[in-house]
Amino acid sequence: MDVFKGHMPFGLHSLLPRAANYITVLREPVERVISDYYYARRFKLHAHHRAAQRLNLEEYFLQKHDQNLQSRMLAGSNSHELFPSVCNAAILTAAKENLARQFIVVGLTERFDETLALLKVVLGWRVKRYSSFRVARNRVPKQLVAPTTLALIQERERFDLALYECAASLFEKAIAARREAVAAALSTIREARNMTPLESRYYWASSIARAAICRAHTLL
Protein backbone atom coordinates (compact mmCIF):
# COMPACT_ATOMS: atom_id res chain seq x y z
CA MET A 1 0.00 0.00 0.00
CA ASP A 2 1.26 3.46 -0.90
CA VAL A 3 -1.53 5.57 0.59
CA PHE A 4 -3.99 5.26 3.45
CA LYS A 5 -6.68 7.91 3.49
CA GLY A 6 -9.80 8.67 5.46
CA HIS A 7 -10.96 9.97 8.81
CA MET A 8 -8.52 8.12 11.03
CA PRO A 9 -6.63 8.85 14.25
CA PHE A 10 -2.94 9.63 14.30
CA GLY A 11 -0.68 6.64 14.89
CA LEU A 12 -0.98 4.42 11.82
CA HIS A 13 2.76 4.79 11.16
CA SER A 14 3.51 2.62 14.22
CA LEU A 15 1.95 -0.36 12.42
CA LEU A 16 3.85 0.07 9.15
CA PRO A 17 7.17 -1.58 8.25
CA ARG A 18 8.65 1.61 6.74
CA ALA A 19 8.67 5.36 7.29
CA ALA A 20 5.44 7.23 6.61
CA ASN A 21 4.44 10.83 5.94
CA TYR A 22 1.23 12.42 7.20
CA ILE A 23 -0.92 15.13 5.66
CA THR A 24 -4.19 16.50 7.03
CA VAL A 25 -6.76 19.19 6.32
CA LEU A 26 -8.45 20.80 9.32
CA ARG A 27 -11.74 22.62 9.36
CA GLU A 28 -12.67 25.70 11.37
CA PRO A 29 -14.50 24.12 14.35
CA VAL A 30 -17.62 26.30 14.42
CA GLU A 31 -18.10 25.84 10.68
CA ARG A 32 -17.62 22.10 11.20
CA VAL A 33 -20.41 21.99 13.79
CA ILE A 34 -22.84 23.85 11.54
CA SER A 35 -21.93 21.69 8.54
CA ASP A 36 -22.30 18.49 10.55
CA TYR A 37 -25.80 19.44 11.67
CA TYR A 38 -27.11 20.35 8.24
CA TYR A 39 -25.44 17.35 6.63
CA ALA A 40 -27.19 15.10 9.15
CA ARG A 41 -30.50 16.75 8.31
CA ARG A 42 -29.95 16.31 4.56
CA PHE A 43 -28.32 12.87 4.29
CA LYS A 44 -30.83 10.13 5.09
CA LEU A 45 -28.15 7.51 5.76
CA HIS A 46 -26.44 9.65 8.41
CA ALA A 47 -26.44 7.96 11.80
CA HIS A 48 -28.17 10.99 13.37
CA HIS A 49 -30.50 11.88 10.49
CA ARG A 50 -33.71 11.25 12.42
CA ALA A 51 -32.45 13.08 15.48
CA ALA A 52 -31.43 16.07 13.38
CA GLN A 53 -35.00 16.41 12.10
CA ARG A 54 -36.35 17.09 15.59
CA LEU A 55 -33.38 18.93 17.15
CA ASN A 56 -32.23 22.47 16.54
CA LEU A 57 -28.54 23.25 16.03
CA GLU A 58 -27.78 23.85 19.71
CA GLU A 59 -29.61 20.71 20.82
CA TYR A 60 -27.86 18.65 18.17
CA PHE A 61 -24.48 20.03 19.19
CA LEU A 62 -25.03 19.12 22.83
CA GLN A 63 -26.56 15.70 22.23
CA LYS A 64 -25.03 14.29 19.03
CA HIS A 65 -21.99 16.23 17.82
CA ASP A 66 -18.55 14.73 18.51
CA GLN A 67 -16.89 17.65 20.28
CA ASN A 68 -13.19 18.54 19.86
CA LEU A 69 -12.84 15.56 17.55
CA GLN A 70 -9.94 17.01 15.56
CA SER A 71 -7.78 17.41 18.65
CA ARG A 72 -8.65 13.97 19.95
CA MET A 73 -7.91 12.25 16.65
CA LEU A 74 -4.64 14.07 16.05
CA ALA A 75 -3.42 13.42 19.60
CA GLY A 76 -3.24 9.73 18.75
CA SER A 77 -4.18 6.55 20.52
CA ASN A 78 -3.15 5.16 23.85
CA SER A 79 -3.26 1.68 25.33
CA HIS A 80 -6.92 1.95 26.29
CA GLU A 81 -8.75 3.38 23.29
CA LEU A 82 -8.34 4.16 19.59
CA PHE A 83 -8.22 7.87 20.40
CA PRO A 84 -9.20 9.85 23.52
CA SER A 85 -12.93 10.02 24.20
CA VAL A 86 -12.64 13.38 25.98
CA CYS A 87 -10.37 16.36 25.39
CA ASN A 88 -8.21 18.35 27.78
CA ALA A 89 -5.13 20.56 27.71
CA ALA A 90 -2.76 17.58 27.55
CA ILE A 91 -4.61 16.13 24.55
CA LEU A 92 -4.43 19.51 22.81
CA THR A 93 -0.69 19.74 23.46
CA ALA A 94 -0.12 16.27 22.02
CA ALA A 95 -2.16 17.12 18.93
CA LYS A 96 -0.19 20.34 18.37
CA GLU A 97 3.12 18.52 18.75
CA ASN A 98 2.06 15.84 16.27
CA LEU A 99 1.05 18.49 13.73
CA ALA A 100 4.35 20.31 14.06
CA ARG A 101 6.62 17.25 14.05
CA GLN A 102 4.91 14.53 12.05
CA PHE A 103 2.94 16.21 9.24
CA ILE A 104 4.60 17.32 6.02
CA VAL A 105 1.50 19.33 5.04
CA VAL A 106 -1.20 20.81 7.28
CA GLY A 107 -4.03 22.30 5.21
CA LEU A 108 -7.23 24.21 5.88
CA THR A 109 -10.66 23.44 4.44
CA GLU A 110 -11.46 27.15 4.26
CA ARG A 111 -8.40 27.66 2.02
CA PHE A 112 -8.59 24.46 0.06
CA ASP A 113 -7.30 25.80 -3.26
CA GLU A 114 -4.11 26.97 -1.55
CA THR A 115 -3.89 23.69 0.36
CA LEU A 116 -4.10 21.74 -2.89
CA ALA A 117 -1.48 24.02 -4.44
CA LEU A 118 0.81 23.39 -1.46
CA LEU A 119 0.32 19.64 -1.82
CA LYS A 120 1.10 19.95 -5.52
CA VAL A 121 4.39 21.67 -4.69
CA VAL A 122 5.44 19.44 -1.78
CA LEU A 123 4.38 16.08 -3.22
CA GLY A 124 4.51 16.78 -6.95
CA TRP A 125 0.81 16.06 -7.46
CA ARG A 126 -0.65 16.48 -10.92
CA VAL A 127 -4.11 18.06 -10.80
CA LYS A 128 -5.81 17.91 -14.19
CA ARG A 129 -9.38 18.38 -13.00
CA TYR A 130 -10.76 19.73 -9.74
CA SER A 131 -14.28 20.31 -8.46
CA SER A 132 -16.07 20.51 -5.11
CA PHE A 133 -18.62 17.85 -4.18
CA ARG A 134 -20.95 17.33 -1.23
CA VAL A 135 -21.30 21.05 -0.66
CA ALA A 136 -24.28 21.62 1.64
CA ARG A 137 -26.99 23.72 0.03
CA ASN A 138 -29.35 23.70 3.01
CA ARG A 139 -27.09 25.13 5.74
CA VAL A 140 -27.23 28.63 7.12
CA PRO A 141 -24.10 30.82 7.36
CA LYS A 142 -22.43 31.25 10.72
CA GLN A 143 -23.48 34.89 10.78
CA LEU A 144 -27.14 33.85 11.08
CA VAL A 145 -26.64 31.48 14.01
CA ALA A 146 -27.92 32.81 17.34
CA PRO A 147 -25.12 34.52 19.33
CA THR A 148 -25.85 32.40 22.40
CA THR A 149 -25.51 29.22 20.34
CA LEU A 150 -22.25 30.44 18.81
CA ALA A 151 -20.88 31.29 22.24
CA LEU A 152 -21.78 27.82 23.51
CA ILE A 153 -20.11 26.11 20.54
CA GLN A 154 -16.99 28.25 20.89
CA GLU A 155 -16.70 27.44 24.59
CA ARG A 156 -17.21 23.70 24.15
CA GLU A 157 -14.95 23.54 21.08
CA ARG A 158 -12.17 25.64 22.64
CA PHE A 159 -9.54 22.91 22.23
CA ASP A 160 -10.26 22.46 18.53
CA LEU A 161 -10.30 26.24 18.10
CA ALA A 162 -6.82 26.42 19.64
CA LEU A 163 -5.67 23.54 17.43
CA TYR A 164 -7.05 25.26 14.33
CA GLU A 165 -5.12 28.41 15.24
CA CYS A 166 -1.94 26.31 15.47
CA ALA A 167 -2.73 24.65 12.13
CA ALA A 168 -3.33 28.04 10.50
CA SER A 169 0.07 29.23 11.72
CA LEU A 170 1.81 26.14 10.31
CA PHE A 171 -0.08 26.60 7.05
CA GLU A 172 0.97 30.25 6.71
CA LYS A 173 4.61 29.38 7.36
CA ALA A 174 4.54 26.60 4.75
CA ILE A 175 2.97 28.93 2.18
CA ALA A 176 5.50 31.67 2.93
CA ALA A 177 8.44 29.28 2.55
CA ARG A 178 7.30 28.30 -0.95
CA ARG A 179 5.47 31.45 -1.98
CA GLU A 180 6.46 31.62 -5.66
CA ALA A 181 5.99 27.89 -6.31
CA VAL A 182 2.62 27.88 -4.53
CA ALA A 183 1.47 30.94 -6.48
CA ALA A 184 2.33 29.20 -9.76
CA ALA A 185 0.62 26.00 -8.66
CA LEU A 186 -2.44 27.95 -7.51
CA SER A 187 -2.98 29.31 -11.00
CA THR A 188 -3.00 25.78 -12.44
CA ILE A 189 -5.39 24.66 -9.68
CA ARG A 190 -7.82 27.40 -10.64
CA GLU A 191 -7.50 26.48 -14.30
CA ALA A 192 -8.32 22.87 -13.37
CA ARG A 193 -11.66 24.09 -11.96
CA ASN A 194 -12.70 25.60 -15.30
CA MET A 195 -14.68 22.81 -16.92
CA THR A 196 -17.51 22.80 -19.41
CA PRO A 197 -20.86 21.45 -18.11
CA LEU A 198 -20.21 18.17 -19.94
CA GLU A 199 -16.71 17.86 -18.49
CA SER A 200 -18.06 18.64 -15.04
CA ARG A 201 -20.73 15.93 -15.24
CA TYR A 202 -18.18 13.39 -16.49
CA TYR A 203 -15.74 14.34 -13.74
CA TRP A 204 -18.47 14.04 -11.10
CA ALA A 205 -19.53 10.58 -12.35
CA SER A 206 -15.97 9.28 -12.59
CA SER A 207 -15.17 10.60 -9.09
CA ILE A 208 -18.21 8.83 -7.64
CA ALA A 209 -17.13 5.63 -9.38
CA ARG A 210 -13.59 5.91 -8.00
CA ALA A 211 -14.95 6.50 -4.50
CA ALA A 212 -17.19 3.43 -4.77
CA ILE A 213 -14.25 1.29 -5.93
CA CYS A 214 -12.13 2.55 -3.02
CA ARG A 215 -14.89 1.73 -0.54
CA ALA A 216 -15.34 -1.73 -2.01
CA HIS A 217 -11.58 -2.33 -1.89
CA THR A 218 -11.51 -1.24 1.77
CA LEU A 219 -14.08 -3.89 2.65
CA LEU A 220 -12.13 -6.74 1.06
C-alpha atoms as a PDB file:
ATOM      1  CA  MET A   1       0.000   0.000   0.000  1.00  0.00           C
ATOM      2  CA  ASP A   2       1.256   3.465  -0.904  1.00  0.00           C
ATOM      3  CA  VAL A   3      -1.530   5.573   0.588  1.00  0.00           C
ATOM      4  CA  PHE A   4      -3.991   5.257   3.454  1.00  0.00           C
ATOM      5  CA  LYS A   5      -6.684   7.912   3.493  1.00  0.00           C
ATOM      6  CA  GLY A   6      -9.803   8.673   5.460  1.00  0.00           C
ATOM      7  CA  HIS A   7     -10.961   9.969   8.808  1.00  0.00           C
ATOM      8  CA  MET A   8      -8.517   8.120  11.028  1.00  0.00           C
ATOM      9  CA  PRO A   9      -6.634   8.849  14.247  1.00  0.00           C
ATOM     10  CA  PHE A  10      -2.944   9.633  14.300  1.00  0.00           C
ATOM     11  CA  GLY A  11      -0.677   6.642  14.886  1.00  0.00           C
ATOM     12  CA  LEU A  12      -0.977   4.421  11.822  1.00  0.00           C
ATOM     13  CA  HIS A  13       2.762   4.791  11.163  1.00  0.00           C
ATOM     14  CA  SER A  14       3.513   2.621  14.222  1.00  0.00           C
ATOM     15  CA  LEU A  15       1.952  -0.358  12.417  1.00  0.00           C
ATOM     16  CA  LEU A  16       3.847   0.074   9.145  1.00  0.00           C
ATOM     17  CA  PRO A  17       7.175  -1.577   8.246  1.00  0.00           C
ATOM     18  CA  ARG A  18       8.654   1.607   6.739  1.00  0.00           C
ATOM     19  CA  ALA A  19       8.673   5.357   7.293  1.00  0.00           C
ATOM     20  CA  ALA A  20       5.440   7.231   6.608  1.00  0.00           C
ATOM     21  CA  ASN A  21       4.441  10.830   5.941  1.00  0.00           C
ATOM     22  CA  TYR A  22       1.230  12.415   7.195  1.00  0.00           C
ATOM     23  CA  ILE A  23      -0.922  15.134   5.661  1.00  0.00           C
ATOM     24  CA  THR A  24      -4.185  16.500   7.026  1.00  0.00           C
ATOM     25  CA  VAL A  25      -6.763  19.185   6.322  1.00  0.00           C
ATOM     26  CA  LEU A  26      -8.455  20.801   9.323  1.00  0.00           C
ATOM     27  CA  ARG A  27     -11.744  22.620   9.363  1.00  0.00           C
ATOM     28  CA  GLU A  28     -12.670  25.695  11.374  1.00  0.00           C
ATOM     29  CA  PRO A  29     -14.500  24.123  14.353  1.00  0.00           C
ATOM     30  CA  VAL A  30     -17.619  26.302  14.424  1.00  0.00           C
ATOM     31  CA  GLU A  31     -18.103  25.835  10.679  1.00  0.00           C
ATOM     32  CA  ARG A  32     -17.622  22.104  11.198  1.00  0.00           C
ATOM     33  CA  VAL A  33     -20.412  21.992  13.787  1.00  0.00           C
ATOM     34  CA  ILE A  34     -22.841  23.846  11.539  1.00  0.00           C
ATOM     35  CA  SER A  35     -21.926  21.686   8.540  1.00  0.00           C
ATOM     36  CA  ASP A  36     -22.297  18.490  10.550  1.00  0.00           C
ATOM     37  CA  TYR A  37     -25.803  19.435  11.669  1.00  0.00           C
ATOM     38  CA  TYR A  38     -27.107  20.348   8.236  1.00  0.00           C
ATOM     39  CA  TYR A  39     -25.438  17.351   6.630  1.00  0.00           C
ATOM     40  CA  ALA A  40     -27.189  15.096   9.150  1.00  0.00           C
ATOM     41  CA  ARG A  41     -30.503  16.749   8.308  1.00  0.00           C
ATOM     42  CA  ARG A  42     -29.945  16.310   4.557  1.00  0.00           C
ATOM     43  CA  PHE A  43     -28.321  12.875   4.291  1.00  0.00           C
ATOM     44  CA  LYS A  44     -30.825  10.134   5.092  1.00  0.00           C
ATOM     45  CA  LEU A  45     -28.146   7.512   5.764  1.00  0.00           C
ATOM     46  CA  HIS A  46     -26.444   9.654   8.406  1.00  0.00           C
ATOM     47  CA  ALA A  47     -26.436   7.959  11.801  1.00  0.00           C
ATOM     48  CA  HIS A  48     -28.167  10.987  13.368  1.00  0.00           C
ATOM     49  CA  HIS A  49     -30.497  11.880  10.495  1.00  0.00           C
ATOM     50  CA  ARG A  50     -33.706  11.247  12.425  1.00  0.00           C
ATOM     51  CA  ALA A  51     -32.455  13.082  15.482  1.00  0.00           C
ATOM     52  CA  ALA A  52     -31.433  16.066  13.381  1.00  0.00           C
ATOM     53  CA  GLN A  53     -34.998  16.406  12.100  1.00  0.00           C
ATOM     54  CA  ARG A  54     -36.354  17.095  15.586  1.00  0.00           C
ATOM     55  CA  LEU A  55     -33.382  18.933  17.152  1.00  0.00           C
ATOM     56  CA  ASN A  56     -32.233  22.473  16.543  1.00  0.00           C
ATOM     57  CA  LEU A  57     -28.544  23.253  16.027  1.00  0.00           C
ATOM     58  CA  GLU A  58     -27.785  23.854  19.706  1.00  0.00           C
ATOM     59  CA  GLU A  59     -29.613  20.714  20.823  1.00  0.00           C
ATOM     60  CA  TYR A  60     -27.860  18.646  18.171  1.00  0.00           C
ATOM     61  CA  PHE A  61     -24.476  20.030  19.188  1.00  0.00           C
ATOM     62  CA  LEU A  62     -25.030  19.121  22.832  1.00  0.00           C
ATOM     63  CA  GLN A  63     -26.562  15.698  22.227  1.00  0.00           C
ATOM     64  CA  LYS A  64     -25.027  14.292  19.028  1.00  0.00           C
ATOM     65  CA  HIS A  65     -21.985  16.235  17.823  1.00  0.00           C
ATOM     66  CA  ASP A  66     -18.545  14.729  18.510  1.00  0.00           C
ATOM     67  CA  GLN A  67     -16.890  17.648  20.281  1.00  0.00           C
ATOM     68  CA  ASN A  68     -13.195  18.541  19.865  1.00  0.00           C
ATOM     69  CA  LEU A  69     -12.838  15.562  17.549  1.00  0.00           C
ATOM     70  CA  GLN A  70      -9.942  17.006  15.555  1.00  0.00           C
ATOM     71  CA  SER A  71      -7.777  17.410  18.646  1.00  0.00           C
ATOM     72  CA  ARG A  72      -8.649  13.969  19.955  1.00  0.00           C
ATOM     73  CA  MET A  73      -7.909  12.246  16.653  1.00  0.00           C
ATOM     74  CA  LEU A  74      -4.638  14.071  16.055  1.00  0.00           C
ATOM     75  CA  ALA A  75      -3.422  13.418  19.597  1.00  0.00           C
ATOM     76  CA  GLY A  76      -3.242   9.727  18.751  1.00  0.00           C
ATOM     77  CA  SER A  77      -4.184   6.550  20.516  1.00  0.00           C
ATOM     78  CA  ASN A  78      -3.152   5.162  23.853  1.00  0.00           C
ATOM     79  CA  SER A  79      -3.260   1.681  25.332  1.00  0.00           C
ATOM     80  CA  HIS A  80      -6.918   1.954  26.288  1.00  0.00           C
ATOM     81  CA  GLU A  81      -8.754   3.377  23.287  1.00  0.00           C
ATOM     82  CA  LEU A  82      -8.341   4.162  19.590  1.00  0.00           C
ATOM     83  CA  PHE A  83      -8.225   7.866  20.397  1.00  0.00           C
ATOM     84  CA  PRO A  84      -9.201   9.846  23.517  1.00  0.00           C
ATOM     85  CA  SER A  85     -12.930  10.024  24.201  1.00  0.00           C
ATOM     86  CA  VAL A  86     -12.645  13.381  25.978  1.00  0.00           C
ATOM     87  CA  CYS A  87     -10.372  16.356  25.392  1.00  0.00           C
ATOM     88  CA  ASN A  88      -8.212  18.351  27.783  1.00  0.00           C
ATOM     89  CA  ALA A  89      -5.132  20.556  27.713  1.00  0.00           C
ATOM     90  CA  ALA A  90      -2.758  17.578  27.549  1.00  0.00           C
ATOM     91  CA  ILE A  91      -4.609  16.134  24.552  1.00  0.00           C
ATOM     92  CA  LEU A  92      -4.433  19.506  22.806  1.00  0.00           C
ATOM     93  CA  THR A  93      -0.694  19.744  23.462  1.00  0.00           C
ATOM     94  CA  ALA A  94      -0.115  16.268  22.023  1.00  0.00           C
ATOM     95  CA  ALA A  95      -2.158  17.125  18.926  1.00  0.00           C
ATOM     96  CA  LYS A  96      -0.195  20.343  18.370  1.00  0.00           C
ATOM     97  CA  GLU A  97       3.119  18.524  18.745  1.00  0.00           C
ATOM     98  CA  ASN A  98       2.062  15.844  16.267  1.00  0.00           C
ATOM     99  CA  LEU A  99       1.046  18.489  13.726  1.00  0.00           C
ATOM    100  CA  ALA A 100       4.348  20.311  14.061  1.00  0.00           C
ATOM    101  CA  ARG A 101       6.622  17.253  14.050  1.00  0.00           C
ATOM    102  CA  GLN A 102       4.906  14.528  12.046  1.00  0.00           C
ATOM    103  CA  PHE A 103       2.941  16.209   9.244  1.00  0.00           C
ATOM    104  CA  ILE A 104       4.599  17.321   6.017  1.00  0.00           C
ATOM    105  CA  VAL A 105       1.498  19.332   5.036  1.00  0.00           C
ATOM    106  CA  VAL A 106      -1.202  20.806   7.281  1.00  0.00           C
ATOM    107  CA  GLY A 107      -4.029  22.299   5.215  1.00  0.00           C
ATOM    108  CA  LEU A 108      -7.225  24.212   5.882  1.00  0.00           C
ATOM    109  CA  THR A 109     -10.660  23.440   4.442  1.00  0.00           C
ATOM    110  CA  GLU A 110     -11.459  27.151   4.258  1.00  0.00           C
ATOM    111  CA  ARG A 111      -8.396  27.664   2.016  1.00  0.00           C
ATOM    112  CA  PHE A 112      -8.595  24.458   0.064  1.00  0.00           C
ATOM    113  CA  ASP A 113      -7.295  25.805  -3.257  1.00  0.00           C
ATOM    114  CA  GLU A 114      -4.108  26.972  -1.547  1.00  0.00           C
ATOM    115  CA  THR A 115      -3.895  23.688   0.356  1.00  0.00           C
ATOM    116  CA  LEU A 116      -4.096  21.743  -2.889  1.00  0.00           C
ATOM    117  CA  ALA A 117      -1.482  24.018  -4.443  1.00  0.00           C
ATOM    118  CA  LEU A 118       0.807  23.393  -1.463  1.00  0.00           C
ATOM    119  CA  LEU A 119       0.324  19.642  -1.823  1.00  0.00           C
ATOM    120  CA  LYS A 120       1.101  19.945  -5.524  1.00  0.00           C
ATOM    121  CA  VAL A 121       4.395  21.671  -4.688  1.00  0.00           C
ATOM    122  CA  VAL A 122       5.442  19.443  -1.781  1.00  0.00           C
ATOM    123  CA  LEU A 123       4.378  16.083  -3.224  1.00  0.00           C
ATOM    124  CA  GLY A 124       4.505  16.775  -6.945  1.00  0.00           C
ATOM    125  CA  TRP A 125       0.814  16.065  -7.458  1.00  0.00           C
ATOM    126  CA  ARG A 126      -0.652  16.482 -10.923  1.00  0.00           C
ATOM    127  CA  VAL A 127      -4.115  18.058 -10.803  1.00  0.00           C
ATOM    128  CA  LYS A 128      -5.811  17.911 -14.194  1.00  0.00           C
ATOM    129  CA  ARG A 129      -9.383  18.380 -13.003  1.00  0.00           C
ATOM    130  CA  TYR A 130     -10.761  19.728  -9.736  1.00  0.00           C
ATOM    131  CA  SER A 131     -14.276  20.309  -8.459  1.00  0.00           C
ATOM    132  CA  SER A 132     -16.068  20.509  -5.110  1.00  0.00           C
ATOM    133  CA  PHE A 133     -18.617  17.851  -4.178  1.00  0.00           C
ATOM    134  CA  ARG A 134     -20.952  17.328  -1.229  1.00  0.00           C
ATOM    135  CA  VAL A 135     -21.304  21.046  -0.658  1.00  0.00           C
ATOM    136  CA  ALA A 136     -24.284  21.622   1.640  1.00  0.00           C
ATOM    137  CA  ARG A 137     -26.993  23.717   0.028  1.00  0.00           C
ATOM    138  CA  ASN A 138     -29.347  23.700   3.011  1.00  0.00           C
ATOM    139  CA  ARG A 139     -27.086  25.132   5.735  1.00  0.00           C
ATOM    140  CA  VAL A 140     -27.232  28.635   7.119  1.00  0.00           C
ATOM    141  CA  PRO A 141     -24.103  30.819   7.357  1.00  0.00           C
ATOM    142  CA  LYS A 142     -22.432  31.254  10.718  1.00  0.00           C
ATOM    143  CA  GLN A 143     -23.482  34.895  10.781  1.00  0.00           C
ATOM    144  CA  LEU A 144     -27.140  33.854  11.075  1.00  0.00           C
ATOM    145  CA  VAL A 145     -26.642  31.477  14.014  1.00  0.00           C
ATOM    146  CA  ALA A 146     -27.920  32.810  17.339  1.00  0.00           C
ATOM    147  CA  PRO A 147     -25.116  34.523  19.325  1.00  0.00           C
ATOM    148  CA  THR A 148     -25.849  32.404  22.400  1.00  0.00           C
ATOM    149  CA  THR A 149     -25.507  29.221  20.340  1.00  0.00           C
ATOM    150  CA  LEU A 150     -22.253  30.438  18.809  1.00  0.00           C
ATOM    151  CA  ALA A 151     -20.877  31.285  22.243  1.00  0.00           C
ATOM    152  CA  LEU A 152     -21.781  27.821  23.512  1.00  0.00           C
ATOM    153  CA  ILE A 153     -20.114  26.114  20.541  1.00  0.00           C
ATOM    154  CA  GLN A 154     -16.989  28.250  20.894  1.00  0.00           C
ATOM    155  CA  GLU A 155     -16.698  27.441  24.590  1.00  0.00           C
ATOM    156  CA  ARG A 156     -17.212  23.697  24.153  1.00  0.00           C
ATOM    157  CA  GLU A 157     -14.947  23.537  21.084  1.00  0.00           C
ATOM    158  CA  ARG A 158     -12.174  25.640  22.642  1.00  0.00           C
ATOM    159  CA  PHE A 159      -9.540  22.908  22.233  1.00  0.00           C
ATOM    160  CA  ASP A 160     -10.263  22.464  18.533  1.00  0.00           C
ATOM    161  CA  LEU A 161     -10.301  26.244  18.098  1.00  0.00           C
ATOM    162  CA  ALA A 162      -6.822  26.416  19.636  1.00  0.00           C
ATOM    163  CA  LEU A 163      -5.671  23.540  17.430  1.00  0.00           C
ATOM    164  CA  TYR A 164      -7.053  25.264  14.332  1.00  0.00           C
ATOM    165  CA  GLU A 165      -5.123  28.414  15.243  1.00  0.00           C
ATOM    166  CA  CYS A 166      -1.945  26.307  15.471  1.00  0.00           C
ATOM    167  CA  ALA A 167      -2.728  24.650  12.129  1.00  0.00           C
ATOM    168  CA  ALA A 168      -3.326  28.038  10.496  1.00  0.00           C
ATOM    169  CA  SER A 169       0.072  29.231  11.724  1.00  0.00           C
ATOM    170  CA  LEU A 170       1.806  26.140  10.306  1.00  0.00           C
ATOM    171  CA  PHE A 171      -0.076  26.599   7.051  1.00  0.00           C
ATOM    172  CA  GLU A 172       0.965  30.246   6.708  1.00  0.00           C
ATOM    173  CA  LYS A 173       4.614  29.378   7.363  1.00  0.00           C
ATOM    174  CA  ALA A 174       4.538  26.600   4.748  1.00  0.00           C
ATOM    175  CA  ILE A 175       2.968  28.925   2.176  1.00  0.00           C
ATOM    176  CA  ALA A 176       5.497  31.674   2.927  1.00  0.00           C
ATOM    177  CA  ALA A 177       8.437  29.278   2.553  1.00  0.00           C
ATOM    178  CA  ARG A 178       7.297  28.305  -0.953  1.00  0.00           C
ATOM    179  CA  ARG A 179       5.473  31.452  -1.977  1.00  0.00           C
ATOM    180  CA  GLU A 180       6.463  31.620  -5.661  1.00  0.00           C
ATOM    181  CA  ALA A 181       5.987  27.894  -6.310  1.00  0.00           C
ATOM    182  CA  VAL A 182       2.621  27.876  -4.532  1.00  0.00           C
ATOM    183  CA  ALA A 183       1.467  30.942  -6.481  1.00  0.00           C
ATOM    184  CA  ALA A 184       2.325  29.202  -9.759  1.00  0.00           C
ATOM    185  CA  ALA A 185       0.617  25.997  -8.663  1.00  0.00           C
ATOM    186  CA  LEU A 186      -2.438  27.946  -7.514  1.00  0.00           C
ATOM    187  CA  SER A 187      -2.979  29.313 -11.002  1.00  0.00           C
ATOM    188  CA  THR A 188      -2.997  25.776 -12.437  1.00  0.00           C
ATOM    189  CA  ILE A 189      -5.389  24.663  -9.679  1.00  0.00           C
ATOM    190  CA  ARG A 190      -7.816  27.400 -10.640  1.00  0.00           C
ATOM    191  CA  GLU A 191      -7.502  26.477 -14.302  1.00  0.00           C
ATOM    192  CA  ALA A 192      -8.323  22.872 -13.368  1.00  0.00           C
ATOM    193  CA  ARG A 193     -11.665  24.088 -11.963  1.00  0.00           C
ATOM    194  CA  ASN A 194     -12.704  25.600 -15.302  1.00  0.00           C
ATOM    195  CA  MET A 195     -14.679  22.808 -16.916  1.00  0.00           C
ATOM    196  CA  THR A 196     -17.513  22.798 -19.410  1.00  0.00           C
ATOM    197  CA  PRO A 197     -20.857  21.455 -18.109  1.00  0.00           C
ATOM    198  CA  LEU A 198     -20.214  18.167 -19.941  1.00  0.00           C
ATOM    199  CA  GLU A 199     -16.706  17.858 -18.488  1.00  0.00           C
ATOM    200  CA  SER A 200     -18.056  18.638 -15.039  1.00  0.00           C
ATOM    201  CA  ARG A 201     -20.728  15.931 -15.239  1.00  0.00           C
ATOM    202  CA  TYR A 202     -18.177  13.387 -16.485  1.00  0.00           C
ATOM    203  CA  TYR A 203     -15.736  14.337 -13.742  1.00  0.00           C
ATOM    204  CA  TRP A 204     -18.467  14.043 -11.095  1.00  0.00           C
ATOM    205  CA  ALA A 205     -19.535  10.583 -12.347  1.00  0.00           C
ATOM    206  CA  SER A 206     -15.973   9.276 -12.585  1.00  0.00           C
ATOM    207  CA  SER A 207     -15.171  10.599  -9.088  1.00  0.00           C
ATOM    208  CA  ILE A 208     -18.215   8.834  -7.639  1.00  0.00           C
ATOM    209  CA  ALA A 209     -17.127   5.626  -9.379  1.00  0.00           C
ATOM    210  CA  ARG A 210     -13.587   5.909  -8.000  1.00  0.00           C
ATOM    211  CA  ALA A 211     -14.949   6.504  -4.499  1.00  0.00           C
ATOM    212  CA  ALA A 212     -17.186   3.433  -4.774  1.00  0.00           C
ATOM    213  CA  ILE A 213     -14.247   1.294  -5.928  1.00  0.00           C
ATOM    214  CA  CYS A 214     -12.129   2.553  -3.018  1.00  0.00           C
ATOM    215  CA  ARG A 215     -14.889   1.729  -0.537  1.00  0.00           C
ATOM    216  CA  ALA A 216     -15.338  -1.731  -2.006  1.00  0.00           C
ATOM    217  CA  HIS A 217     -11.585  -2.332  -1.885  1.00  0.00           C
ATOM    218  CA  THR A 218     -11.513  -1.239   1.766  1.00  0.00           C
ATOM    219  CA  LEU A 219     -14.081  -3.888   2.652  1.00  0.00           C
ATOM    220  CA  LEU A 220     -12.125  -6.741   1.064  1.00  0.00           C
END
